[in-house]
């Protein structure tokens, strides 16, 4: 306040990483001192007018002119939350219109089915509209928390249940996936597909996610209810007892429920004496046939779920108001409200503009998104094709991963045999809640499952590289990418796993395949990883191949074609045939960049 502002000798500057705006709005609410709200609005008003003009920090244009969610997803969600605070506390219609437009863009074009936001590791940022890759999805845990902050504030501004539909989706899926069930390890990104390269870790060099989710979980009770004058909102469903004041009078509300596994909720309303007020119960979008607001996702199974509400055992009816079932009456101690939501497994498809999900479905039940993971299935879950009209059984598993409902359905796997012919096999596909994956070791996982043949990924037959022993100058877990059979579709594809030597620059590095018996080789194909302009990897300055001779010494192959460094395509080198027990790739990195590769094939 002393150093920053429009007065003479003051600096006009804005936060480098937005979050102060929310804090200042909260200080205003706690203290009543308008100077804090004024400073929050100043920081937002001046964004886009200082020397910093980048999309990464949402400074590319004034906030009131922004209409698309862009840049670093965490910074963005924090700034949008601050905008919603200022909109609500000042009533500024410009702020209200701007934040509504940005929310509409994020929710209808840039939201993962798990409630995650931020599609790309390049700048930890939102992607383009409908750019929602699965294996390379960033979906930072902090961004999911920011999405909760943002939607909660828009609910407070508008009083509409759709914001809690998005909040609940993030909460039960892409947010709690960021912490292990025992609370001891964490995800930074939360991808929707894996071949085993993703593992939770106890800590990160940039430790925002562990601390953020550890702070968020204890705050959860504050999101369950809301009070506005004579209205008491029930927004989330979980067993609890809470004391609140409605019109200044104490009300105790006790919820008993098995939600999200059960759609039955019992609420005991106990005011102090008799009180007249309106109990507003959120009827979730998933009950009403809406996956999320807008047309980014839609149900494909044609099921029509319903709900019932009773007060003291008697059915009651009401017209929904902004998504809420309103019961206005004089309440007395011991009144009981019973809510029932039909809860069945549902299949979901994405908008056809989402290239990564075409021909695929996701499965959810209630607010919980499911995935297929390797420990529950004795086949490659990435080679599955789901039936056109799948039927699911629900199995309660109290002993599995702290208790959950598991889903099972009939499916097929598709694979190439040794002769290169397609084969199919009938299987039972088992699904678990997405939040619980990666607790039983490394392996395959997928949220989006093929239902059309065009979207399938048949299992590949074993090759000499897939079963070779791999060593490298830098041996990290992502080395498994180089012989997983997955290759990019073009030079801009970052959706498949890759291996790199970053942050090393200008060095000579190597990878070696060792075979269990001598192999005759004459071809090698490499798909280079290059994440220009954001990242630190570029195609190498040069590279060569060496084979191990009968004396155990490395010899250069006699190359019959050039060592290519094209991005987005296979760079094949022909060489005079050699019979060897090992082959080595030697890479000379560019002076100021590292190198990396998606895949290395030899035959």
Foldseek 3Di string as FASTA:
>chain_A
DVADDDDPNHDQDADPQAQLLVVLLVVCVVPVDCVSNVVSVSNLQCQLVDPDQDQQQPSVHRLLPDQEFKHQLLSSLNNLLSLLSSCQVVVPVSSVVSSVRHVCRCQAFAADLQLFGQAAPLRSITDPGLAHFFQRGFRFLSSLVSLLSNLLSVCVRPVFLLSLLSNLSSVQGSNLLQAALVRQWGDGGQGQKDFFLDATGRADPPGPNSVVSVVVVVVVVVRQWDEDAQEIEGRDADFDWDWDAHNHWIKIKGWDDPPPVFQKIKIFIATDAKAWGKYWYADHVVQQQHSHPYQFKGFDQPDHKDKWKDKPRHTDDDDDDSRIRIDTDTDHGGIMMMMHTDWDKIWMAGDVSNVNQPQWIFIDIRSFTKKFWCVVFVDAQQQKAAEPNWDWDWDWDCPPSNTDIKIKTKIKGWAADPVRDIDIDIDITIITTNSNPNPPHGGIMHRIHHHDPVNGDHHYDDDQQLPWDKDWPDDDSLVNQAARPDAFQFQPDPSGGKDWDPPDAQAKMKMKTFGPAWDKWFKKKFAKHDDPPRDQAAFFPAKFKWFQDPVRDTDTFAWPDGQDRDHTDIRMTGTDIDIGRMMMMMTGHHHRGIIMTRYMDID
